[in-house]
Amino acid sequence: MEILTTITAAEKLNVSAIRVRQLIREGRLPAQKIGRDYIIQEKDLALVANRQTGRPANNKNVRGFEKDAPPFEKFVIEPFKTELAPGITPKKIIDLLKEI
């Protein structure tokens, strides 16, 4: 049973010492605090050795909108397809304004 510091554990896990301390705070890596430092048993490194790296995927496209959201045109054009009053559409109003 070998005892490691956060720095040597970080080297073995190929992460930074800050990340090792974060794993300890999250409870994912057991450790004992001695003074201001932590000691870690080498056998406990196996608990976090197969962790997923990187950030979780999100459901956003490049512009930051939901991928499954309807196209923007649906929100802009569809309301104008309705009649404002019987027989009066926005297109009719625009045509009337052009005549003035």
PDB file of N, CA and C in Angstrom:
ATOM      1  N   MET A   1       0.854  -1.185   0.000  1.00  0.00           N
ATOM      2  CA  MET A   1       0.000   0.000   0.000  1.00  0.00           C
ATOM      3  C   MET A   1       0.895   1.242   0.000  1.00  0.00           C
ATOM      4  N   GLU A   2       0.858   1.960  -1.108  1.00  0.00           N
ATOM      5  CA  GLU A   2       1.667   3.160  -1.239  1.00  0.00           C
ATOM      6  C   GLU A   2       0.801   4.386  -0.948  1.00  0.00           C
ATOM      7  N   ILE A   3       1.358   5.342  -0.244  1.00  0.00           N
ATOM      8  CA  ILE A   3       0.645   6.578   0.086  1.00  0.00           C
ATOM      9  C   ILE A   3       1.174   7.683  -0.824  1.00  0.00           C
ATOM     10  N   LEU A   4       0.254   8.437  -1.413  1.00  0.00           N
ATOM     11  CA  LEU A   4       0.615   9.476  -2.376  1.00  0.00           C
ATOM     12  C   LEU A   4       0.167  10.848  -1.889  1.00  0.00           C
ATOM     13  N   THR A   5       0.877  11.863  -2.335  1.00  0.00           N
ATOM     14  CA  THR A   5       0.424  13.244  -2.124  1.00  0.00           C
ATOM     15  C   THR A   5      -0.485  13.624  -3.292  1.00  0.00           C
ATOM     16  N   THR A   6      -1.108  14.783  -3.212  1.00  0.00           N
ATOM     17  CA  THR A   6      -1.965  15.231  -4.317  1.00  0.00           C
ATOM     18  C   THR A   6      -1.145  15.428  -5.588  1.00  0.00           C
ATOM     19  N   ILE A   7       0.088  15.857  -5.447  1.00  0.00           N
ATOM     20  CA  ILE A   7       0.928  16.098  -6.630  1.00  0.00           C
ATOM     21  C   ILE A   7       1.290  14.784  -7.322  1.00  0.00           C
ATOM     22  N   THR A   8       1.700  13.772  -6.544  1.00  0.00           N
ATOM     23  CA  THR A   8       2.047  12.498  -7.176  1.00  0.00           C
ATOM     24  C   THR A   8       0.799  11.793  -7.714  1.00  0.00           C
ATOM     25  N   ALA A   9      -0.329  11.941  -7.032  1.00  0.00           N
ATOM     26  CA  ALA A   9      -1.578  11.366  -7.542  1.00  0.00           C
ATOM     27  C   ALA A   9      -1.961  12.041  -8.857  1.00  0.00           C
ATOM     28  N   ALA A  10      -1.758  13.341  -8.936  1.00  0.00           N
ATOM     29  CA  ALA A  10      -2.062  14.078 -10.163  1.00  0.00           C
ATOM     30  C   ALA A  10      -1.198  13.596 -11.318  1.00  0.00           C
ATOM     31  N   GLU A  11       0.077  13.357 -11.053  1.00  0.00           N
ATOM     32  CA  GLU A  11       0.972  12.862 -12.099  1.00  0.00           C
ATOM     33  C   GLU A  11       0.528  11.489 -12.594  1.00  0.00           C
ATOM     34  N   LYS A  12       0.108  10.613 -11.670  1.00  0.00           N
ATOM     35  CA  LYS A  12      -0.326   9.269 -12.055  1.00  0.00           C
ATOM     36  C   LYS A  12      -1.644   9.300 -12.824  1.00  0.00           C
ATOM     37  N   LEU A  13      -2.528  10.250 -12.478  1.00  0.00           N
ATOM     38  CA  LEU A  13      -3.828  10.366 -13.168  1.00  0.00           C
ATOM     39  C   LEU A  13      -3.740  11.244 -14.411  1.00  0.00           C
ATOM     40  N   ASN A  14      -2.604  11.895 -14.600  1.00  0.00           N
ATOM     41  CA  ASN A  14      -2.404  12.811 -15.727  1.00  0.00           C
ATOM     42  C   ASN A  14      -3.383  13.992 -15.690  1.00  0.00           C
ATOM     43  N   VAL A  15      -3.556  14.543 -14.488  1.00  0.00           N
ATOM     44  CA  VAL A  15      -4.372  15.744 -14.281  1.00  0.00           C
ATOM     45  C   VAL A  15      -3.578  16.690 -13.388  1.00  0.00           C
ATOM     46  N   SER A  16      -4.142  17.844 -13.106  1.00  0.00           N
ATOM     47  CA  SER A  16      -3.456  18.796 -12.227  1.00  0.00           C
ATOM     48  C   SER A  16      -3.753  18.463 -10.762  1.00  0.00           C
ATOM     49  N   ALA A  17      -2.924  19.000  -9.879  1.00  0.00           N
ATOM     50  CA  ALA A  17      -3.132  18.808  -8.448  1.00  0.00           C
ATOM     51  C   ALA A  17      -4.436  19.468  -8.008  1.00  0.00           C
ATOM     52  N   ILE A  18      -4.800  20.552  -8.672  1.00  0.00           N
ATOM     53  CA  ILE A  18      -6.069  21.228  -8.362  1.00  0.00           C
ATOM     54  C   ILE A  18      -7.242  20.296  -8.661  1.00  0.00           C
ATOM     55  N   ARG A  19      -7.158  19.568  -9.784  1.00  0.00           N
ATOM     56  CA  ARG A  19      -8.229  18.636 -10.150  1.00  0.00           C
ATOM     57  C   ARG A  19      -8.308  17.496  -9.135  1.00  0.00           C
ATOM     58  N   VAL A  20      -7.170  17.028  -8.625  1.00  0.00           N
ATOM     59  CA  VAL A  20      -7.180  15.975  -7.606  1.00  0.00           C
ATOM     60  C   VAL A  20      -7.881  16.477  -6.353  1.00  0.00           C
ATOM     61  N   ARG A  21      -7.563  17.698  -5.923  1.00  0.00           N
ATOM     62  CA  ARG A  21      -8.230  18.263  -4.743  1.00  0.00           C
ATOM     63  C   ARG A  21      -9.729  18.431  -4.989  1.00  0.00           C
ATOM     64  N   GLN A  22     -10.105  18.761  -6.216  1.00  0.00           N
ATOM     65  CA  GLN A  22     -11.520  18.885  -6.552  1.00  0.00           C
ATOM     66  C   GLN A  22     -12.218  17.520  -6.451  1.00  0.00           C
ATOM     67  N   LEU A  23     -11.574  16.482  -6.940  1.00  0.00           N
ATOM     68  CA  LEU A  23     -12.145  15.134  -6.842  1.00  0.00           C
ATOM     69  C   LEU A  23     -12.302  14.716  -5.381  1.00  0.00           C
ATOM     70  N   ILE A  24     -11.355  15.128  -4.536  1.00  0.00           N
ATOM     71  CA  ILE A  24     -11.438  14.828  -3.099  1.00  0.00           C
ATOM     72  C   ILE A  24     -12.620  15.569  -2.492  1.00  0.00           C
ATOM     73  N   ARG A  25     -12.777  16.869  -2.805  1.00  0.00           N
ATOM     74  CA  ARG A  25     -13.895  17.665  -2.264  1.00  0.00           C
ATOM     75  C   ARG A  25     -15.242  17.105  -2.705  1.00  0.00           C
ATOM     76  N   GLU A  26     -15.311  16.606  -3.956  1.00  0.00           N
ATOM     77  CA  GLU A  26     -16.559  16.038  -4.477  1.00  0.00           C
ATOM     78  C   GLU A  26     -16.875  14.684  -3.859  1.00  0.00           C
ATOM     79  N   GLY A  27     -15.913  14.101  -3.135  1.00  0.00           N
ATOM     80  CA  GLY A  27     -16.126  12.800  -2.520  1.00  0.00           C
ATOM     81  C   GLY A  27     -15.878  11.637  -3.466  1.00  0.00           C
ATOM     82  N   ARG A  28     -15.332  11.905  -4.625  1.00  0.00           N
ATOM     83  CA  ARG A  28     -15.081  10.851  -5.608  1.00  0.00           C
ATOM     84  C   ARG A  28     -13.742  10.162  -5.390  1.00  0.00           C
ATOM     85  N   LEU A  29     -12.832  10.817  -4.659  1.00  0.00           N
ATOM     86  CA  LEU A  29     -11.519  10.247  -4.379  1.00  0.00           C
ATOM     87  C   LEU A  29     -11.290  10.310  -2.867  1.00  0.00           C
ATOM     88  N   PRO A  30     -11.266   9.150  -2.195  1.00  0.00           N
ATOM     89  CA  PRO A  30     -11.043   9.159  -0.745  1.00  0.00           C
ATOM     90  C   PRO A  30      -9.628   9.632  -0.410  1.00  0.00           C
ATOM     91  N   ALA A  31      -9.509  10.415   0.643  1.00  0.00           N
ATOM     92  CA  ALA A  31      -8.208  10.926   1.071  1.00  0.00           C
ATOM     93  C   ALA A  31      -8.280  11.314   2.540  1.00  0.00           C
ATOM     94  N   GLN A  32      -7.135  11.390   3.156  1.00  0.00           N
ATOM     95  CA  GLN A  32      -7.026  11.841   4.536  1.00  0.00           C
ATOM     96  C   GLN A  32      -6.305  13.174   4.547  1.00  0.00           C
ATOM     97  N   LYS A  33      -6.838  14.117   5.311  1.00  0.00           N
ATOM     98  CA  LYS A  33      -6.191  15.422   5.402  1.00  0.00           C
ATOM     99  C   LYS A  33      -5.208  15.404   6.566  1.00  0.00           C
ATOM    100  N   ILE A  34      -3.990  15.786   6.275  1.00  0.00           N
ATOM    101  CA  ILE A  34      -2.958  15.886   7.305  1.00  0.00           C
ATOM    102  C   ILE A  34      -2.408  17.296   7.215  1.00  0.00           C
ATOM    103  N   GLY A  35      -2.728  18.095   8.215  1.00  0.00           N
ATOM    104  CA  GLY A  35      -2.340  19.506   8.173  1.00  0.00           C
ATOM    105  C   GLY A  35      -3.106  20.202   7.068  1.00  0.00           C
ATOM    106  N   ARG A  36      -2.402  20.741   6.102  1.00  0.00           N
ATOM    107  CA  ARG A  36      -3.074  21.408   4.985  1.00  0.00           C
ATOM    108  C   ARG A  36      -3.034  20.578   3.710  1.00  0.00           C
ATOM    109  N   ASP A  37      -2.432  19.401   3.776  1.00  0.00           N
ATOM    110  CA  ASP A  37      -2.290  18.535   2.606  1.00  0.00           C
ATOM    111  C   ASP A  37      -3.139  17.281   2.757  1.00  0.00           C
ATOM    112  N   TYR A  38      -3.320  16.607   1.646  1.00  0.00           N
ATOM    113  CA  TYR A  38      -4.057  15.343   1.626  1.00  0.00           C
ATOM    114  C   TYR A  38      -3.097  14.213   1.296  1.00  0.00           C
ATOM    115  N   ILE A  39      -3.396  13.026   1.839  1.00  0.00           N
ATOM    116  CA  ILE A  39      -2.692  11.828   1.411  1.00  0.00           C
ATOM    117  C   ILE A  39      -3.738  10.871   0.842  1.00  0.00           C
ATOM    118  N   ILE A  40      -3.317  10.160  -0.196  1.00  0.00           N
ATOM    119  CA  ILE A  40      -4.228   9.307  -0.942  1.00  0.00           C
ATOM    120  C   ILE A  40      -3.576   7.937  -1.063  1.00  0.00           C
ATOM    121  N   GLN A  41      -4.358   6.895  -0.880  1.00  0.00           N
ATOM    122  CA  GLN A  41      -3.840   5.549  -1.089  1.00  0.00           C
ATOM    123  C   GLN A  41      -3.846   5.251  -2.584  1.00  0.00           C
ATOM    124  N   GLU A  42      -2.776   4.635  -3.062  1.00  0.00           N
ATOM    125  CA  GLU A  42      -2.646   4.389  -4.500  1.00  0.00           C
ATOM    126  C   GLU A  42      -3.785   3.527  -5.031  1.00  0.00           C
ATOM    127  N   LYS A  43      -4.286   2.586  -4.240  1.00  0.00           N
ATOM    128  CA  LYS A  43      -5.372   1.726  -4.706  1.00  0.00           C
ATOM    129  C   LYS A  43      -6.659   2.516  -4.952  1.00  0.00           C
ATOM    130  N   ASP A  44      -6.810   3.674  -4.306  1.00  0.00           N
ATOM    131  CA  ASP A  44      -8.015   4.494  -4.491  1.00  0.00           C
ATOM    132  C   ASP A  44      -8.016   5.256  -5.817  1.00  0.00           C
ATOM    133  N   LEU A  45      -6.873   5.354  -6.464  1.00  0.00           N
ATOM    134  CA  LEU A  45      -6.810   6.044  -7.758  1.00  0.00           C
ATOM    135  C   LEU A  45      -7.669   5.323  -8.807  1.00  0.00           C
ATOM    136  N   ALA A  46      -7.863   4.025  -8.622  1.00  0.00           N
ATOM    137  CA  ALA A  46      -8.679   3.245  -9.567  1.00  0.00           C
ATOM    138  C   ALA A  46     -10.133   3.737  -9.575  1.00  0.00           C
ATOM    139  N   LEU A  47     -10.571   4.358  -8.485  1.00  0.00           N
ATOM    140  CA  LEU A  47     -11.960   4.856  -8.406  1.00  0.00           C
ATOM    141  C   LEU A  47     -12.228   5.985  -9.397  1.00  0.00           C
ATOM    142  N   VAL A  48     -11.194   6.741  -9.736  1.00  0.00           N
ATOM    143  CA  VAL A  48     -11.379   7.883 -10.651  1.00  0.00           C
ATOM    144  C   VAL A  48     -10.583   7.741 -11.937  1.00  0.00           C
ATOM    145  N   ALA A  49      -9.881   6.642 -12.104  1.00  0.00           N
ATOM    146  CA  ALA A  49      -9.032   6.469 -13.289  1.00  0.00           C
ATOM    147  C   ALA A  49      -9.863   6.400 -14.567  1.00  0.00           C
ATOM    148  N   ASN A  50     -11.061   5.846 -14.515  1.00  0.00           N
ATOM    149  CA  ASN A  50     -11.888   5.682 -15.714  1.00  0.00           C
ATOM    150  C   ASN A  50     -12.988   6.734 -15.804  1.00  0.00           C
ATOM    151  N   ARG A  51     -12.739   7.911 -15.291  1.00  0.00           N
ATOM    152  CA  ARG A  51     -13.743   8.974 -15.314  1.00  0.00           C
ATOM    153  C   ARG A  51     -13.881   9.550 -16.714  1.00  0.00           C
ATOM    154  N   GLN A  52     -15.058  10.117 -17.005  1.00  0.00           N
ATOM    155  CA  GLN A  52     -15.251  10.795 -18.287  1.00  0.00           C
ATOM    156  C   GLN A  52     -14.552  12.135 -18.245  1.00  0.00           C
ATOM    157  N   THR A  53     -13.935  12.506 -19.343  1.00  0.00           N
ATOM    158  CA  THR A  53     -13.252  13.792 -19.404  1.00  0.00           C
ATOM    159  C   THR A  53     -14.086  14.772 -20.213  1.00  0.00           C
ATOM    160  N   GLY A  54     -13.816  16.032 -20.039  1.00  0.00           N
ATOM    161  CA  GLY A  54     -14.504  17.066 -20.806  1.00  0.00           C
ATOM    162  C   GLY A  54     -15.834  17.451 -20.180  1.00  0.00           C
ATOM    163  N   ARG A  55     -16.484  18.382 -20.830  1.00  0.00           N
ATOM    164  CA  ARG A  55     -17.772  18.877 -20.360  1.00  0.00           C
ATOM    165  C   ARG A  55     -18.904  18.063 -20.958  1.00  0.00           C
ATOM    166  N   PRO A  56     -20.036  17.990 -20.257  1.00  0.00           N
ATOM    167  CA  PRO A  56     -21.164  17.267 -20.841  1.00  0.00           C
ATOM    168  C   PRO A  56     -21.694  17.997 -22.066  1.00  0.00           C
ATOM    169  N   ALA A  57     -22.219  17.247 -23.003  1.00  0.00           N
ATOM    170  CA  ALA A  57     -22.766  17.843 -24.225  1.00  0.00           C
ATOM    171  C   ALA A  57     -24.017  18.641 -23.882  1.00  0.00           C
ATOM    172  N   ASN A  58     -24.257  19.698 -24.643  1.00  0.00           N
ATOM    173  CA  ASN A  58     -25.479  20.464 -24.438  1.00  0.00           C
ATOM    174  C   ASN A  58     -26.380  20.300 -25.647  1.00  0.00           C
ATOM    175  N   ASN A  59     -27.599  20.757 -25.517  1.00  0.00           N
ATOM    176  CA  ASN A  59     -28.578  20.603 -26.588  1.00  0.00           C
ATOM    177  C   ASN A  59     -28.745  21.922 -27.340  1.00  0.00           C
ATOM    178  N   LYS A  60     -27.667  22.650 -27.505  1.00  0.00           N
ATOM    179  CA  LYS A  60     -27.736  23.944 -28.181  1.00  0.00           C
ATOM    180  C   LYS A  60     -26.999  23.866 -29.509  1.00  0.00           C
ATOM    181  N   ASN A  61     -27.444  24.671 -30.473  1.00  0.00           N
ATOM    182  CA  ASN A  61     -26.711  24.752 -31.733  1.00  0.00           C
ATOM    183  C   ASN A  61     -25.707  25.899 -31.640  1.00  0.00           C
ATOM    184  N   VAL A  62     -25.075  26.242 -32.716  1.00  0.00           N
ATOM    185  CA  VAL A  62     -24.007  27.241 -32.714  1.00  0.00           C
ATOM    186  C   VAL A  62     -24.495  28.593 -32.222  1.00  0.00           C
ATOM    187  N   ARG A  63     -25.713  28.968 -32.561  1.00  0.00           N
ATOM    188  CA  ARG A  63     -26.240  30.284 -32.172  1.00  0.00           C
ATOM    189  C   ARG A  63     -26.778  30.312 -30.754  1.00  0.00           C
ATOM    190  N   GLY A  64     -26.809  29.175 -30.068  1.00  0.00           N
ATOM    191  CA  GLY A  64     -27.282  29.134 -28.697  1.00  0.00           C
ATOM    192  C   GLY A  64     -28.749  28.801 -28.571  1.00  0.00           C
ATOM    193  N   PHE A  65     -29.436  28.466 -29.662  1.00  0.00           N
ATOM    194  CA  PHE A  65     -30.842  28.098 -29.599  1.00  0.00           C
ATOM    195  C   PHE A  65     -30.959  26.591 -29.430  1.00  0.00           C
ATOM    196  N   GLU A  66     -32.070  26.138 -28.865  1.00  0.00           N
ATOM    197  CA  GLU A  66     -32.310  24.704 -28.743  1.00  0.00           C
ATOM    198  C   GLU A  66     -32.290  24.064 -30.121  1.00  0.00           C
ATOM    199  N   LYS A  67     -31.685  22.886 -30.233  1.00  0.00           N
ATOM    200  CA  LYS A  67     -31.574  22.226 -31.536  1.00  0.00           C
ATOM    201  C   LYS A  67     -32.933  21.819 -32.093  1.00  0.00           C
ATOM    202  N   ASP A  68     -33.860  21.437 -31.215  1.00  0.00           N
ATOM    203  CA  ASP A  68     -35.165  20.975 -31.671  1.00  0.00           C
ATOM    204  C   ASP A  68     -36.198  22.102 -31.755  1.00  0.00           C
ATOM    205  N   ALA A  69     -35.782  23.330 -31.547  1.00  0.00           N
ATOM    206  CA  ALA A  69     -36.717  24.460 -31.592  1.00  0.00           C
ATOM    207  C   ALA A  69     -37.167  24.706 -33.029  1.00  0.00           C
ATOM    208  N   PRO A  70     -38.411  25.163 -33.216  1.00  0.00           N
ATOM    209  CA  PRO A  70     -38.856  25.474 -34.576  1.00  0.00           C
ATOM    210  C   PRO A  70     -38.045  26.628 -35.142  1.00  0.00           C
ATOM    211  N   PRO A  71     -37.972  26.728 -36.460  1.00  0.00           N
ATOM    212  CA  PRO A  71     -37.189  27.810 -37.056  1.00  0.00           C
ATOM    213  C   PRO A  71     -37.726  29.178 -36.663  1.00  0.00           C
ATOM    214  N   PHE A  72     -36.820  30.143 -36.676  1.00  0.00           N
ATOM    215  CA  PHE A  72     -37.174  31.509 -36.283  1.00  0.00           C
ATOM    216  C   PHE A  72     -38.300  32.075 -37.136  1.00  0.00           C
ATOM    217  N   GLU A  73     -38.323  31.711 -38.426  1.00  0.00           N
ATOM    218  CA  GLU A  73     -39.335  32.243 -39.336  1.00  0.00           C
ATOM    219  C   GLU A  73     -40.742  31.905 -38.866  1.00  0.00           C
ATOM    220  N   LYS A  74     -40.897  30.777 -38.189  1.00  0.00           N
ATOM    221  CA  LYS A  74     -42.221  30.375 -37.726  1.00  0.00           C
ATOM    222  C   LYS A  74     -42.781  31.399 -36.738  1.00  0.00           C
ATOM    223  N   PHE A  75     -41.915  31.942 -35.902  1.00  0.00           N
ATOM    224  CA  PHE A  75     -42.364  32.917 -34.914  1.00  0.00           C
ATOM    225  C   PHE A  75     -42.597  34.294 -35.534  1.00  0.00           C
ATOM    226  N   VAL A  76     -41.893  34.593 -36.599  1.00  0.00           N
ATOM    227  CA  VAL A  76     -41.991  35.921 -37.200  1.00  0.00           C
ATOM    228  C   VAL A  76     -43.100  35.982 -38.243  1.00  0.00           C
ATOM    229  N   ILE A  77     -43.198  34.989 -39.101  1.00  0.00           N
ATOM    230  CA  ILE A  77     -44.121  35.054 -40.233  1.00  0.00           C
ATOM    231  C   ILE A  77     -45.533  34.590 -39.875  1.00  0.00           C
ATOM    232  N   GLU A  78     -45.664  33.514 -39.106  1.00  0.00           N
ATOM    233  CA  GLU A  78     -46.984  32.961 -38.847  1.00  0.00           C
ATOM    234  C   GLU A  78     -47.947  33.939 -38.181  1.00  0.00           C
ATOM    235  N   PRO A  79     -47.524  34.763 -37.229  1.00  0.00           N
ATOM    236  CA  PRO A  79     -48.495  35.696 -36.657  1.00  0.00           C
ATOM    237  C   PRO A  79     -49.061  36.670 -37.698  1.00  0.00           C
ATOM    238  N   PHE A  80     -48.287  36.971 -38.741  1.00  0.00           N
ATOM    239  CA  PHE A  80     -48.757  37.912 -39.750  1.00  0.00           C
ATOM    240  C   PHE A  80     -49.682  37.264 -40.767  1.00  0.00           C
ATOM    241  N   LYS A  81     -49.835  35.978 -40.722  1.00  0.00           N
ATOM    242  CA  LYS A  81     -50.749  35.307 -41.631  1.00  0.00           C
ATOM    243  C   LYS A  81     -52.194  35.435 -41.158  1.00  0.00           C
ATOM    244  N   THR A  82     -52.363  35.775 -39.903  1.00  0.00           N
ATOM    245  CA  THR A  82     -53.717  35.904 -39.372  1.00  0.00           C
ATOM    246  C   THR A  82     -54.330  37.224 -39.825  1.00  0.00           C
ATOM    247  N   GLU A  83     -55.649  37.270 -39.806  1.00  0.00           N
ATOM    248  CA  GLU A  83     -56.349  38.503 -40.195  1.00  0.00           C
ATOM    249  C   GLU A  83     -56.504  39.390 -38.978  1.00  0.00           C
ATOM    250  N   LEU A  84     -56.335  40.690 -39.177  1.00  0.00           N
ATOM    251  CA  LEU A  84     -56.508  41.635 -38.079  1.00  0.00           C
ATOM    252  C   LEU A  84     -57.988  41.860 -37.821  1.00  0.00           C
ATOM    253  N   ALA A  85     -58.724  41.889 -38.861  1.00  0.00           N
ATOM    254  CA  ALA A  85     -60.181  42.001 -38.808  1.00  0.00           C
ATOM    255  C   ALA A  85     -60.683  41.217 -40.018  1.00  0.00           C
ATOM    256  N   PRO A  86     -61.963  40.893 -40.101  1.00  0.00           N
ATOM    257  CA  PRO A  86     -62.444  40.115 -41.246  1.00  0.00           C
ATOM    258  C   PRO A  86     -62.062  40.778 -42.577  1.00  0.00           C
ATOM    259  N   GLY A  87     -61.276  40.044 -43.382  1.00  0.00           N
ATOM    260  CA  GLY A  87     -60.892  40.534 -44.701  1.00  0.00           C
ATOM    261  C   GLY A  87     -59.696  41.451 -44.727  1.00  0.00           C
ATOM    262  N   ILE A  88     -59.136  41.818 -43.561  1.00  0.00           N
ATOM    263  CA  ILE A  88     -57.985  42.729 -43.522  1.00  0.00           C
ATOM    264  C   ILE A  88     -56.770  41.955 -43.044  1.00  0.00           C
ATOM    265  N   THR A  89     -55.814  41.793 -43.914  1.00  0.00           N
ATOM    266  CA  THR A  89     -54.573  41.109 -43.579  1.00  0.00           C
ATOM    267  C   THR A  89     -53.438  42.131 -43.535  1.00  0.00           C
ATOM    268  N   PRO A  90     -52.354  41.797 -42.917  1.00  0.00           N
ATOM    269  CA  PRO A  90     -51.214  42.727 -42.900  1.00  0.00           C
ATOM    270  C   PRO A  90     -50.746  43.084 -44.308  1.00  0.00           C
ATOM    271  N   LYS A  91     -50.810  42.120 -45.223  1.00  0.00           N
ATOM    272  CA  LYS A  91     -50.403  42.403 -46.600  1.00  0.00           C
ATOM    273  C   LYS A  91     -51.311  43.459 -47.217  1.00  0.00           C
ATOM    274  N   LYS A  92     -52.604  43.370 -46.936  1.00  0.00           N
ATOM    275  CA  LYS A  92     -53.558  44.346 -47.471  1.00  0.00           C
ATOM    276  C   LYS A  92     -53.249  45.741 -46.914  1.00  0.00           C
ATOM    277  N   ILE A  93     -52.889  45.813 -45.641  1.00  0.00           N
ATOM    278  CA  ILE A  93     -52.555  47.101 -45.022  1.00  0.00           C
ATOM    279  C   ILE A  93     -51.297  47.681 -45.665  1.00  0.00           C
ATOM    280  N   ILE A  94     -50.291  46.834 -45.902  1.00  0.00           N
ATOM    281  CA  ILE A  94     -49.071  47.306 -46.539  1.00  0.00           C
ATOM    282  C   ILE A  94     -49.359  47.826 -47.945  1.00  0.00           C
ATOM    283  N   ASP A  95     -50.191  47.089 -48.683  1.00  0.00           N
ATOM    284  CA  ASP A  95     -50.557  47.545 -50.028  1.00  0.00           C
ATOM    285  C   ASP A  95     -51.275  48.882 -49.975  1.00  0.00           C
ATOM    286  N   LEU A  96     -52.171  49.086 -49.008  1.00  0.00           N
ATOM    287  CA  LEU A  96     -52.887  50.343 -48.863  1.00  0.00           C
ATOM    288  C   LEU A  96     -51.922  51.495 -48.527  1.00  0.00           C
ATOM    289  N   LEU A  97     -50.948  51.213 -47.683  1.00  0.00           N
ATOM    290  CA  LEU A  97     -49.995  52.246 -47.305  1.00  0.00           C
ATOM    291  C   LEU A  97     -49.112  52.636 -48.481  1.00  0.00           C
ATOM    292  N   LYS A  98     -48.810  51.690 -49.349  1.00  0.00           N
ATOM    293  CA  LYS A  98     -47.997  51.983 -50.519  1.00  0.00           C
ATOM    294  C   LYS A  98     -48.728  52.907 -51.490  1.00  0.00           C
ATOM    295  N   GLU A  99     -50.045  52.828 -51.506  1.00  0.00           N
ATOM    296  CA  GLU A  99     -50.840  53.654 -52.395  1.00  0.00           C
ATOM    297  C   GLU A  99     -50.893  55.118 -51.943  1.00  0.00           C
ATOM    298  N   ILE A 100     -50.643  55.361 -50.692  1.00  0.00           N
ATOM    299  CA  ILE A 100     -50.742  56.728 -50.158  1.00  0.00           C
ATOM    300  C   ILE A 100     -49.590  57.580 -50.605  1.00  0.00           C
TER     301      ILE A 100
END
